[in-house]
């Protein structure tokens, strides 16, 4: 920062860095030194530390010193606190000081206060000032005021909503859709709602689903209702999906989507089809990995992409996600707010999410899944993770308990030093039967997927699926008329 005494800048910058690193005692010492040397930012930061520690009176005292020294962000904090305490006169005074000092939040909040007082013209003036200072919410508010529930200046409303939406305001894009509807622009309405949905606004995807359902396009409606459920947990979208699938006679999908928000007791048909095809190979990879790594405490380094167990360090780690033993929920690492998606051990996980989005597999594309109604939620999470990790190739999955046993972290390994899972006809029948128990409605897919994974030449009839491996091993599986495995045998191919 410039414009402050030279002796105040260095302790201020060091104090900010110490606060960022969590060294509050050192931060307080340096920031007091900075303030005493003439840097008001020191008092502002000290107010933030006091608020962080729950010392609200001390925070106000420091912010007042900084505001009196001309720091607009401290005036904003004082205005926000006064508004929270119900002292609107003081709030307005401090917000005005913050706005006059060029702080965008002060201009925005002052505009809101003035609108509530009925001084709409001055409120709009401050919203314009806030917009010029970079506040997208100010343009949203201007659009809303011009809109006036469809009775106002719709051309001006559209212009301001567009400006806010261009800066990422999903609510503005959503409202823009209604303005365009009022102006007779049906295509523009849908375009605005699509933009709103892509910006994460929770109402947009549902409204798009409702629009397409009323227009008779159930497939499009399903896609938007799914997004509404997965991205925002909208219960009435889940009910609509249940009704649509039930009307189509698809009870498995109806059950899955009806349960999605309240707690799942089953996987989606899309996931079962995907997971079944890779299930026997995934079990085999896990068997080989577990034998090679053994048991032992796990330590991990997400930046280095390493995992240490039993005194050995393995490379090529991808952090898959976490299971809560308290809430029985699964959270993919890419949706965990405690980690950035550019962390080295999370970057490869994008392949799983992209596959889920491309093939409409909700378990792979929804950030959080409530598994509480499965008979064994932890096992359900483990099965899901092992199946998903197959998309990353490599060796398989390891997990460890965290937070005093309240959670489990899951990692995928892709380390060339670990042995690969090779085709073995003698163990194939065991693997196929184990996988078929996990996915009983997809047993033929289990067999075909395993044989294809190992490059087998497959011959298939209604009664039998037979695979001959490049190395000469052979697996033959007989099925009942309703698609269940009746018998399985293995050996060497004739000739």
Protein backbone atom coordinates (compact mmCIF):
# COMPACT_ATOMS: atom_id res chain seq x y z
CA UNK A 1 0.00 0.00 0.00
CA UNK A 2 1.23 3.52 -0.73
CA UNK A 3 0.74 6.94 0.88
CA UNK A 4 1.69 5.87 4.41
CA UNK A 5 4.88 6.59 6.38
CA UNK A 6 7.73 4.41 5.20
CA UNK A 7 8.27 2.91 8.64
CA UNK A 8 4.66 1.69 8.80
CA UNK A 9 4.48 -0.32 5.58
CA UNK A 10 6.98 -3.09 6.39
CA UNK A 11 5.45 -4.10 9.78
CA UNK A 12 1.98 -3.88 8.22
CA UNK A 13 2.87 -6.29 5.42
CA UNK A 14 4.62 -8.66 7.82
CA UNK A 15 1.65 -8.50 10.18
CA UNK A 16 -0.81 -9.37 7.40
CA UNK A 17 1.38 -12.31 6.42
CA UNK A 18 1.61 -13.51 10.05
CA UNK A 19 -2.19 -13.32 10.36
CA UNK A 20 -2.59 -15.28 7.13
CA UNK A 21 -0.24 -17.95 8.53
CA UNK A 22 -2.25 -18.17 11.77
CA UNK A 23 0.41 -16.58 13.98
CA UNK A 24 -1.97 -14.15 15.68
CA UNK A 25 0.33 -13.08 18.53
CA UNK A 26 3.06 -12.02 16.10
CA UNK A 27 0.46 -10.44 13.82
CA UNK A 28 -0.98 -8.31 16.64
CA UNK A 29 2.47 -7.06 17.66
CA UNK A 30 3.42 -6.07 14.09
CA UNK A 31 0.06 -4.53 13.25
CA UNK A 32 0.06 -2.38 16.40
CA UNK A 33 3.54 -1.23 15.45
CA UNK A 34 2.28 -0.39 11.94
CA UNK A 35 -0.71 1.57 13.25
CA UNK A 36 1.39 3.51 15.73
CA UNK A 37 3.75 4.37 12.86
CA UNK A 38 0.84 5.83 10.88
CA UNK A 39 -0.71 2.95 8.91
CA UNK A 40 -4.53 2.76 9.48
CA UNK A 41 -4.58 -0.67 7.87
CA UNK A 42 -2.93 -1.98 11.04
CA UNK A 43 -5.99 -0.99 13.07
CA UNK A 44 -8.31 -2.49 10.46
CA UNK A 45 -6.50 -5.83 10.59
CA UNK A 46 -6.46 -5.75 14.40
CA UNK A 47 -10.23 -5.29 14.28
CA UNK A 48 -10.47 -8.35 12.08
CA UNK A 49 -8.38 -10.41 14.51
CA UNK A 50 -10.51 -9.29 17.46
CA UNK A 51 -13.70 -10.20 15.58
CA UNK A 52 -12.17 -13.57 14.68
CA UNK A 53 -11.57 -14.21 18.40
CA UNK A 54 -15.09 -13.11 19.35
CA UNK A 55 -14.01 -9.82 20.99
CA UNK A 56 -16.61 -7.66 19.24
CA UNK A 57 -16.18 -4.52 21.37
CA UNK A 58 -12.44 -4.53 20.79
CA UNK A 59 -13.03 -5.06 17.06
CA UNK A 60 -15.34 -2.02 16.90
CA UNK A 61 -12.78 0.10 18.77
CA UNK A 62 -10.02 -0.78 16.31
CA UNK A 63 -12.26 -0.26 13.26
CA UNK A 64 -13.36 3.11 14.61
CA UNK A 65 -9.72 4.20 14.88
CA UNK A 66 -9.05 3.06 11.32
CA UNK A 67 -12.24 4.71 10.00
CA UNK A 68 -11.38 7.97 11.73
CA UNK A 69 -7.99 7.76 10.04
CA UNK A 70 -9.77 7.57 6.68
CA UNK A 71 -9.98 3.84 5.90
CA UNK A 72 -13.30 3.19 4.08
CA UNK A 73 -13.34 -0.58 4.62
CA UNK A 74 -13.32 0.01 8.39
CA UNK A 75 -16.22 2.44 8.02
CA UNK A 76 -18.05 -0.34 6.18
CA UNK A 77 -17.44 -2.79 9.04
CA UNK A 78 -18.82 -0.25 11.51
CA UNK A 79 -21.85 0.32 9.31
CA UNK A 80 -22.46 -3.39 8.97
CA UNK A 81 -22.23 -3.87 12.72
CA UNK A 82 -24.59 -0.96 13.40
CA UNK A 83 -27.11 -2.31 10.89
CA UNK A 84 -26.91 -5.75 12.49
CA UNK A 85 -27.60 -4.12 15.89
CA UNK A 86 -30.59 -2.20 14.52
CA UNK A 87 -29.02 1.28 14.62
CA UNK A 88 -29.90 2.25 11.04
CA UNK A 89 -29.00 5.91 11.50
CA UNK A 90 -25.42 5.02 12.46
CA UNK A 91 -25.29 2.37 9.75
CA UNK A 92 -26.26 4.92 7.11
CA UNK A 93 -23.65 7.38 8.37
CA UNK A 94 -20.83 4.83 8.28
CA UNK A 95 -21.92 3.39 4.92
CA UNK A 96 -21.88 6.91 3.45
CA UNK A 97 -18.34 7.39 4.69
CA UNK A 98 -17.30 4.06 3.18
CA UNK A 99 -18.98 4.90 -0.13
CA UNK A 100 -17.40 8.36 -0.28
CA UNK A 101 -14.05 6.69 0.31
CA UNK A 102 -14.59 4.48 -2.76
CA UNK A 103 -15.51 1.22 -0.99
CA UNK A 104 -18.01 -0.64 -3.18
CA UNK A 105 -19.70 -2.51 -0.32
CA UNK A 106 -20.50 0.78 1.40
CA UNK A 107 -22.23 2.15 -1.70
CA UNK A 108 -24.14 -1.11 -2.23
CA UNK A 109 -25.35 -1.46 1.36
CA UNK A 110 -26.23 2.21 1.56
CA UNK A 111 -28.35 1.77 -1.54
CA UNK A 112 -30.20 -1.11 0.13
CA UNK A 113 -30.82 0.97 3.28
CA UNK A 114 -32.10 3.92 1.25
CA UNK A 115 -34.42 1.69 -0.77
CA UNK A 116 -35.91 0.30 2.45
CA UNK A 117 -36.47 3.88 3.64
CA UNK A 118 -38.37 4.60 0.43
CA UNK A 119 -35.74 6.89 -1.10
CA UNK A 120 -35.55 4.91 -4.34
CA UNK A 121 -34.00 7.66 -6.48
CA UNK A 122 -30.99 8.11 -4.16
CA UNK A 123 -30.75 4.34 -3.70
CA UNK A 124 -30.38 3.97 -7.47
CA UNK A 125 -27.67 6.62 -7.48
CA UNK A 126 -25.65 4.63 -4.97
CA UNK A 127 -26.31 1.37 -6.80
CA UNK A 128 -24.85 3.01 -9.92
CA UNK A 129 -21.83 4.11 -7.90
CA UNK A 130 -21.43 0.60 -6.49
CA UNK A 131 -21.63 -0.82 -10.02
CA UNK A 132 -18.87 1.51 -11.17
CA UNK A 133 -16.81 0.25 -8.23
CA UNK A 134 -17.29 -3.38 -9.37
CA UNK A 135 -20.38 -4.70 -7.52
CA UNK A 136 -22.44 -7.01 -9.76
CA UNK A 137 -25.21 -7.06 -7.13
CA UNK A 138 -25.68 -3.34 -7.71
CA UNK A 139 -26.59 -3.97 -11.34
CA UNK A 140 -28.94 -6.72 -10.20
CA UNK A 141 -30.66 -4.28 -7.84
CA UNK A 142 -30.94 -1.67 -10.57
CA UNK A 143 -32.47 -4.24 -12.88
CA UNK A 144 -34.92 -5.24 -10.16
CA UNK A 145 -35.97 -1.65 -9.51
CA UNK A 146 -36.41 -0.85 -13.20
CA UNK A 147 -38.26 -4.17 -13.65
CA UNK A 148 -40.80 -3.41 -10.90
CA UNK A 149 -42.40 -6.88 -11.22
CA UNK A 150 -42.88 -6.45 -14.97
CA UNK A 151 -44.58 -3.06 -14.70
CA UNK A 152 -41.56 -0.77 -15.08
CA UNK A 153 -38.95 0.13 -17.68
CA UNK A 154 -38.27 -3.34 -19.06
CA UNK A 155 -35.67 -2.16 -21.57
CA UNK A 156 -33.57 -0.60 -18.79
CA UNK A 157 -34.17 -3.63 -16.57
CA UNK A 158 -32.91 -5.95 -19.29
CA UNK A 159 -29.79 -3.86 -19.81
CA UNK A 160 -28.87 -3.89 -16.11
CA UNK A 161 -29.63 -7.59 -15.68
CA UNK A 162 -27.40 -8.34 -18.67
CA UNK A 163 -24.56 -6.36 -17.10
CA UNK A 164 -24.89 -8.21 -13.80
CA UNK A 165 -25.14 -11.59 -15.53
CA UNK A 166 -21.99 -10.87 -17.53
CA UNK A 167 -20.19 -10.50 -14.20
CA UNK A 168 -21.47 -13.88 -13.03
CA UNK A 169 -24.68 -12.99 -11.19
CA UNK A 170 -26.95 -16.01 -11.69
CA UNK A 171 -29.96 -14.35 -10.06
CA UNK A 172 -29.75 -11.50 -12.57
CA UNK A 173 -29.69 -13.96 -15.48
CA UNK A 174 -32.73 -15.72 -13.99
CA UNK A 175 -34.69 -12.50 -13.68
CA UNK A 176 -33.58 -11.53 -17.16
CA UNK A 177 -35.47 -14.56 -18.41
CA UNK A 178 -38.73 -13.20 -16.96
CA UNK A 179 -38.11 -9.74 -18.42
CA UNK A 180 -37.60 -11.29 -21.85
CA UNK A 181 -40.75 -13.35 -21.35
CA UNK A 182 -42.64 -10.14 -20.60
CA UNK A 183 -41.16 -8.59 -23.75
CA UNK A 184 -42.26 -11.58 -25.87
CA UNK A 185 -38.76 -12.99 -26.43
CA UNK A 186 -39.27 -16.73 -25.73
CA UNK A 187 -35.89 -17.81 -27.14
CA UNK A 188 -34.12 -15.11 -25.13
CA UNK A 189 -35.91 -16.25 -22.00
CA UNK A 190 -34.56 -19.79 -22.34
CA UNK A 191 -31.08 -18.52 -23.19
CA UNK A 192 -31.07 -16.40 -20.02
CA UNK A 193 -32.23 -19.30 -17.86
CA UNK A 194 -29.55 -21.56 -19.34
CA UNK A 195 -26.97 -18.92 -18.48
CA UNK A 196 -28.42 -18.67 -14.97
CA UNK A 197 -28.24 -22.44 -14.50
CA UNK A 198 -24.63 -22.50 -15.70
CA UNK A 199 -23.87 -19.78 -13.13
CA UNK A 200 -25.25 -22.06 -10.41
CA UNK A 201 -28.49 -20.27 -9.63
CA UNK A 202 -30.69 -22.85 -7.92
CA UNK A 203 -34.07 -21.95 -9.44
CA UNK A 204 -33.05 -21.84 -13.10
CA UNK A 205 -32.59 -25.55 -13.84
CA UNK A 206 -35.96 -26.36 -12.28
CA UNK A 207 -37.73 -23.69 -14.35
CA UNK A 208 -36.12 -25.05 -17.50
CA UNK A 209 -37.26 -28.55 -16.59
CA UNK A 210 -40.77 -27.27 -15.93
CA UNK A 211 -40.79 -25.43 -19.27
CA UNK A 212 -39.76 -28.47 -21.29
CA UNK A 213 -42.10 -30.81 -19.42
CA UNK A 214 -45.04 -28.51 -20.23
CA UNK A 215 -43.82 -28.35 -23.84
CA UNK A 216 -43.95 -32.15 -24.03
CA UNK A 217 -40.18 -32.72 -24.24
CA UNK A 218 -39.70 -35.14 -21.34
CA UNK A 219 -36.11 -36.01 -22.22
CA UNK A 220 -35.02 -32.37 -22.02
CA UNK A 221 -37.07 -31.94 -18.84
CA UNK A 222 -35.32 -34.91 -17.24
CA UNK A 223 -31.89 -33.42 -17.96
CA UNK A 224 -32.76 -30.10 -16.34
CA UNK A 225 -34.58 -31.63 -13.37
CA UNK A 226 -31.53 -33.85 -12.77
CA UNK A 227 -29.29 -30.78 -12.68
CA UNK A 228 -31.69 -29.08 -10.29
CA UNK A 229 -31.54 -32.06 -7.93
CA UNK A 230 -27.80 -32.73 -8.21
CA UNK A 231 -26.59 -29.15 -8.06
CA UNK A 232 -29.10 -27.58 -5.68
CA UNK A 233 -30.99 -30.42 -3.96
CA UNK A 234 -34.38 -29.09 -5.11
CA UNK A 235 -36.95 -31.47 -3.65
CA UNK A 236 -39.79 -30.69 -6.04
CA UNK A 237 -37.44 -31.42 -8.95
CA UNK A 238 -36.74 -34.82 -7.37
CA UNK A 239 -40.48 -35.46 -7.09
CA UNK A 240 -41.00 -34.49 -10.73
CA UNK A 241 -38.28 -36.93 -11.80
CA UNK A 242 -39.87 -39.68 -9.72
CA UNK A 243 -43.24 -39.04 -11.38
CA UNK A 244 -41.76 -38.97 -14.90
CA UNK A 245 -39.82 -42.21 -14.47
CA UNK A 246 -42.74 -43.90 -12.75
CA UNK A 247 -44.95 -42.91 -15.66
CA UNK A 248 -42.42 -44.57 -17.97
CA UNK A 249 -42.45 -47.76 -15.92
CA UNK A 250 -38.85 -47.26 -14.75
CA UNK A 251 -39.22 -47.92 -11.03
CA UNK A 252 -35.47 -48.14 -10.41
CA UNK A 253 -34.87 -44.60 -11.67
CA UNK A 254 -38.02 -43.34 -9.96
CA UNK A 255 -36.82 -44.72 -6.64
CA UNK A 256 -33.31 -43.32 -7.02
CA UNK A 257 -34.36 -39.77 -7.85
CA UNK A 258 -37.19 -39.69 -5.33
CA UNK A 259 -34.63 -40.54 -2.63
CA UNK A 260 -31.76 -38.36 -3.83
CA UNK A 261 -32.35 -35.40 -1.51
CA UNK A 262 -33.55 -37.26 1.60
CA UNK A 263 -31.08 -40.17 1.47
CA UNK A 264 -30.30 -42.93 -1.04
CA UNK A 265 -30.92 -46.63 -0.51
CA UNK A 266 -29.74 -47.74 -3.97
CA UNK A 267 -27.52 -46.73 -6.86
CA UNK A 268 -28.85 -45.26 -10.09
CA UNK A 269 -29.38 -47.66 -13.02
CA UNK A 270 -26.72 -45.71 -14.94
CA UNK A 271 -24.16 -46.26 -12.20
CA UNK A 272 -25.01 -49.93 -11.82
CA UNK A 273 -24.53 -50.48 -15.55
CA UNK A 274 -21.20 -48.63 -15.51
CA UNK A 275 -19.91 -50.22 -12.31
CA UNK A 276 -21.04 -53.74 -13.14
CA UNK A 277 -19.01 -53.78 -16.35
CA UNK A 278 -15.81 -53.03 -14.46
CA UNK A 279 -16.63 -54.72 -11.15
CA UNK A 280 -14.81 -58.04 -11.47
CA UNK A 281 -11.66 -56.34 -12.79
CA UNK A 282 -11.87 -53.78 -9.97
CA UNK A 283 -12.09 -56.56 -7.36
CA UNK A 284 -9.07 -58.21 -8.95
CA UNK A 285 -7.07 -54.96 -8.88
CA UNK A 286 -7.94 -54.50 -5.22
CA UNK A 287 -6.86 -58.04 -4.36
CA UNK A 288 -3.48 -57.51 -6.04
CA UNK A 289 -3.01 -54.06 -4.48
CA UNK A 290 -3.92 -55.19 -0.97
CA UNK A 291 -1.52 -58.12 -1.17
CA UNK A 292 1.30 -55.86 -2.37
CA UNK A 293 0.79 -52.99 0.10
CA UNK A 294 -0.44 -54.83 3.18
CA UNK A 295 -1.85 -53.18 6.27
CA UNK A 296 -0.39 -50.21 8.08
CA UNK A 297 -0.95 -46.61 9.02
CA UNK A 298 -1.28 -44.28 6.04
CA UNK A 299 0.33 -40.87 5.55
CA UNK A 300 -0.19 -38.80 2.42
CA UNK A 301 1.11 -35.71 0.65
CA UNK A 302 -1.41 -34.26 -1.80
CA UNK A 303 1.08 -31.89 -3.41
CA UNK A 304 3.68 -34.60 -4.00
CA UNK A 305 0.96 -37.17 -4.84
CA UNK A 306 2.48 -39.74 -2.48
CA UNK A 307 1.08 -42.21 0.04
CA UNK A 308 3.17 -43.96 2.67
CA UNK A 309 2.11 -47.24 4.26
CA UNK A 310 4.09 -49.93 6.03
CA UNK A 311 7.33 -48.01 5.58
CA UNK A 312 6.94 -47.79 1.77
CA UNK A 313 6.08 -44.70 -0.25
CA UNK A 314 3.90 -45.02 -3.33
CA UNK A 315 3.44 -42.47 -6.10
CA UNK A 316 0.72 -41.41 -8.50
CA UNK A 317 -1.86 -40.69 -5.79
CA UNK A 318 -5.25 -39.17 -6.58
CA UNK A 319 -7.36 -37.94 -3.67
CA UNK A 320 -10.83 -39.27 -4.48
CA UNK A 321 -12.91 -37.92 -1.62
CA UNK A 322 -14.19 -38.56 1.86
CA UNK A 323 -16.94 -40.44 3.67
CA UNK A 324 -18.50 -39.09 6.86
CA UNK A 325 -19.30 -41.80 9.41
CA UNK A 326 -21.39 -39.20 11.25
CA UNK A 327 -23.77 -38.21 8.44
CA UNK A 328 -23.26 -41.23 6.12
CA UNK A 329 -22.46 -38.91 3.22
CA UNK A 330 -19.89 -39.06 0.44
CA UNK A 331 -18.06 -35.92 -0.75
CA UNK A 332 -15.93 -35.97 -3.90
CA UNK A 333 -12.64 -34.16 -3.42
CA UNK A 334 -13.40 -31.74 -6.26
CA UNK A 335 -16.47 -30.56 -4.30
CA UNK A 336 -14.67 -30.26 -0.95
CA UNK A 337 -14.39 -26.54 -0.07
CA UNK A 338 -11.28 -27.23 2.01
CA UNK A 339 -9.24 -28.07 -1.11
CA UNK A 340 -8.58 -26.27 -4.37
CA UNK A 341 -9.15 -28.22 -7.57
CA UNK A 342 -5.63 -27.39 -8.77
CA UNK A 343 -4.07 -29.46 -5.95
CA UNK A 344 -1.85 -31.99 -7.73
CA UNK A 345 -3.59 -35.03 -6.21
CA UNK A 346 -7.07 -33.74 -7.16
CA UNK A 347 -6.44 -32.68 -10.77
CA UNK A 348 -6.71 -36.25 -12.22
CA UNK A 349 -10.11 -36.66 -10.56
CA UNK A 350 -11.62 -34.38 -13.22
CA UNK A 351 -11.70 -37.44 -15.49
CA UNK A 352 -14.24 -39.11 -13.21
CA UNK A 353 -16.47 -36.06 -13.05
CA UNK A 354 -16.28 -35.50 -16.81
CA UNK A 355 -17.22 -39.13 -17.47
CA UNK A 356 -20.18 -38.80 -15.12
CA UNK A 357 -21.40 -35.65 -16.83
CA UNK A 358 -20.89 -37.05 -20.33
CA UNK A 359 -22.69 -40.33 -19.60
CA UNK A 360 -25.29 -38.96 -17.14
CA UNK A 361 -24.06 -41.03 -14.18
CA UNK A 362 -25.19 -38.99 -11.15
CA UNK A 363 -22.96 -40.71 -8.61
CA UNK A 364 -19.91 -39.56 -10.58
CA UNK A 365 -21.05 -35.99 -11.23
CA UNK A 366 -22.88 -34.92 -8.06
CA UNK A 367 -20.45 -33.44 -5.54
CA UNK A 368 -22.18 -34.82 -2.46
CA UNK A 369 -24.24 -37.99 -1.99
CA UNK A 370 -26.32 -38.92 1.03
CA UNK A 371 -26.04 -42.72 1.40
CA UNK A 372 -27.81 -42.96 4.74
CA UNK A 373 -30.51 -45.43 3.68
CA UNK A 374 -28.16 -48.06 2.25
CA UNK A 375 -27.94 -51.14 4.52
CA UNK A 376 -24.23 -50.32 4.99
CA UNK A 377 -23.52 -46.72 3.88
CA UNK A 378 -19.75 -47.03 4.37
CA UNK A 379 -19.60 -50.14 2.19
CA UNK A 380 -21.83 -48.44 -0.38
CA UNK A 381 -19.35 -45.56 -0.56
CA UNK A 382 -16.40 -47.95 -0.85
CA UNK A 383 -18.04 -49.90 -3.67
CA UNK A 384 -18.85 -46.69 -5.51
CA UNK A 385 -15.32 -45.31 -5.14
CA UNK A 386 -13.59 -48.49 -6.28
CA UNK A 387 -15.82 -48.63 -9.36
CA UNK A 388 -15.23 -44.96 -10.17
CA UNK A 389 -11.47 -45.21 -9.68
CA UNK A 390 -11.27 -47.73 -12.52
CA UNK A 391 -11.62 -44.74 -14.86
CA UNK A 392 -8.16 -43.65 -13.69
CA UNK A 393 -6.47 -46.96 -14.54
CA UNK A 394 -3.63 -47.74 -12.15
CA UNK A 395 -3.62 -50.05 -9.19
CA UNK A 396 -6.71 -49.46 -7.06
CA UNK A 397 -7.92 -47.72 -3.92
CA UNK A 398 -6.67 -47.31 -0.36
CA UNK A 399 -8.49 -45.61 2.51
CA UNK A 400 -7.75 -44.42 6.02
CA UNK A 401 -9.73 -43.05 8.96
CA UNK A 402 -9.43 -39.34 9.77
CA UNK A 403 -10.79 -36.89 12.37
CA UNK A 404 -10.69 -39.40 15.24
CA UNK A 405 -12.51 -41.98 13.17
CA UNK A 406 -15.38 -39.70 12.17
CA UNK A 407 -14.41 -39.82 8.50
CA UNK A 408 -12.51 -41.84 5.91
CA UNK A 409 -10.30 -40.52 3.10
CA UNK A 410 -9.98 -42.51 -0.13
CA UNK A 411 -6.97 -42.49 -2.45
CA UNK A 412 -6.26 -44.04 -5.83
CA UNK A 413 -2.75 -45.33 -6.62
CA UNK A 414 -1.14 -45.39 -10.04
CA UNK A 415 2.41 -46.50 -9.28
CA UNK A 416 4.29 -48.53 -11.93
CA UNK A 417 6.33 -50.24 -9.21
CA UNK A 418 3.21 -52.09 -8.03
CA UNK A 419 2.23 -55.37 -9.74
CA UNK A 420 -0.51 -55.33 -12.37
CA UNK A 421 -3.58 -57.57 -12.26
CA UNK A 422 -3.13 -60.21 -14.99
CA UNK A 423 -5.76 -62.53 -16.46
CA UNK A 424 -5.99 -65.80 -14.54
CA UNK A 425 -8.74 -68.19 -15.63
CA UNK A 426 -8.62 -70.08 -12.34
CA UNK A 427 -9.43 -67.00 -10.25
CA UNK A 428 -11.78 -65.54 -12.89
CA UNK A 429 -14.79 -67.59 -11.81
CA UNK A 430 -14.41 -66.46 -8.20
CA UNK A 431 -14.10 -62.83 -9.26
CA UNK A 432 -17.15 -63.06 -11.51
CA UNK A 433 -19.31 -64.64 -8.80
CA UNK A 434 -18.22 -62.02 -6.24
CA UNK A 435 -19.03 -59.16 -8.63
CA UNK A 436 -22.36 -60.72 -9.60
CA UNK A 437 -23.41 -60.68 -5.93
CA UNK A 438 -22.77 -56.94 -5.78
CA UNK A 439 -24.67 -56.20 -9.01
CA UNK A 440 -27.29 -58.96 -9.23
CA UNK A 441 -29.39 -57.20 -11.89
CA UNK A 442 -26.40 -56.74 -14.23
CA UNK A 443 -24.72 -60.18 -14.16
CA UNK A 444 -24.31 -60.58 -17.92
CA UNK A 445 -22.73 -57.11 -18.03
CA UNK A 446 -20.37 -58.18 -15.21
CA UNK A 447 -19.12 -61.10 -17.27
CA UNK A 448 -18.82 -59.25 -20.57
CA UNK A 449 -17.02 -56.35 -18.92
CA UNK A 450 -14.41 -58.56 -17.25
CA UNK A 451 -13.66 -60.53 -20.40
CA UNK A 452 -13.42 -57.36 -22.50
CA UNK A 453 -11.12 -55.75 -19.92
CA UNK A 454 -8.62 -58.58 -20.38
CA UNK A 455 -8.85 -58.50 -24.19
CA UNK A 456 -10.69 -61.80 -24.51
CA UNK A 457 -12.37 -62.91 -27.70
CA UNK A 458 -16.02 -63.15 -26.69
CA UNK A 459 -18.65 -65.53 -28.03
CA UNK A 460 -22.15 -65.02 -26.73
CA UNK A 461 -25.58 -66.64 -26.92
CA UNK A 462 -28.70 -66.35 -24.80
CA UNK A 463 -27.49 -69.22 -22.62
CA UNK A 464 -23.70 -68.78 -22.52
CA UNK A 465 -20.97 -66.14 -22.58
CA UNK A 466 -17.53 -67.50 -23.40
CA UNK A 467 -14.22 -65.65 -23.42
CA UNK A 468 -10.85 -66.78 -24.74
CA UNK A 469 -7.88 -64.74 -23.56
CA UNK A 470 -4.93 -63.89 -25.83
CA UNK A 471 -2.78 -66.12 -23.60
CA UNK A 472 -5.11 -69.08 -24.24
CA UNK A 473 -7.11 -69.18 -21.01
CA UNK A 474 -10.84 -69.70 -21.34
CA UNK A 475 -13.86 -68.77 -19.20
CA UNK A 476 -17.37 -70.07 -19.84
CA UNK A 477 -20.42 -68.75 -17.99
CA UNK A 478 -23.94 -70.17 -18.32
CA UNK A 479 -27.03 -68.07 -17.57
CA UNK A 480 -30.59 -68.75 -16.54
CA UNK A 481 -33.38 -67.35 -18.76
CA UNK A 482 -33.72 -64.32 -16.42
CA UNK A 483 -30.04 -63.37 -16.78
CA UNK A 484 -28.53 -64.85 -13.60
CA UNK A 485 -25.30 -66.86 -13.56
CA UNK A 486 -26.10 -70.56 -13.43
CA UNK A 487 -22.57 -71.95 -13.67
CA UNK A 488 -19.04 -70.81 -14.45
CA UNK A 489 -15.99 -72.77 -15.47
CA UNK A 490 -12.42 -71.98 -16.49
CA UNK A 491 -9.56 -73.72 -18.19
CA UNK A 492 -7.39 -73.61 -21.27
CA UNK A 493 -8.86 -73.14 -24.75
CA UNK A 494 -8.84 -76.19 -26.94
CA UNK A 495 -6.45 -76.40 -29.84
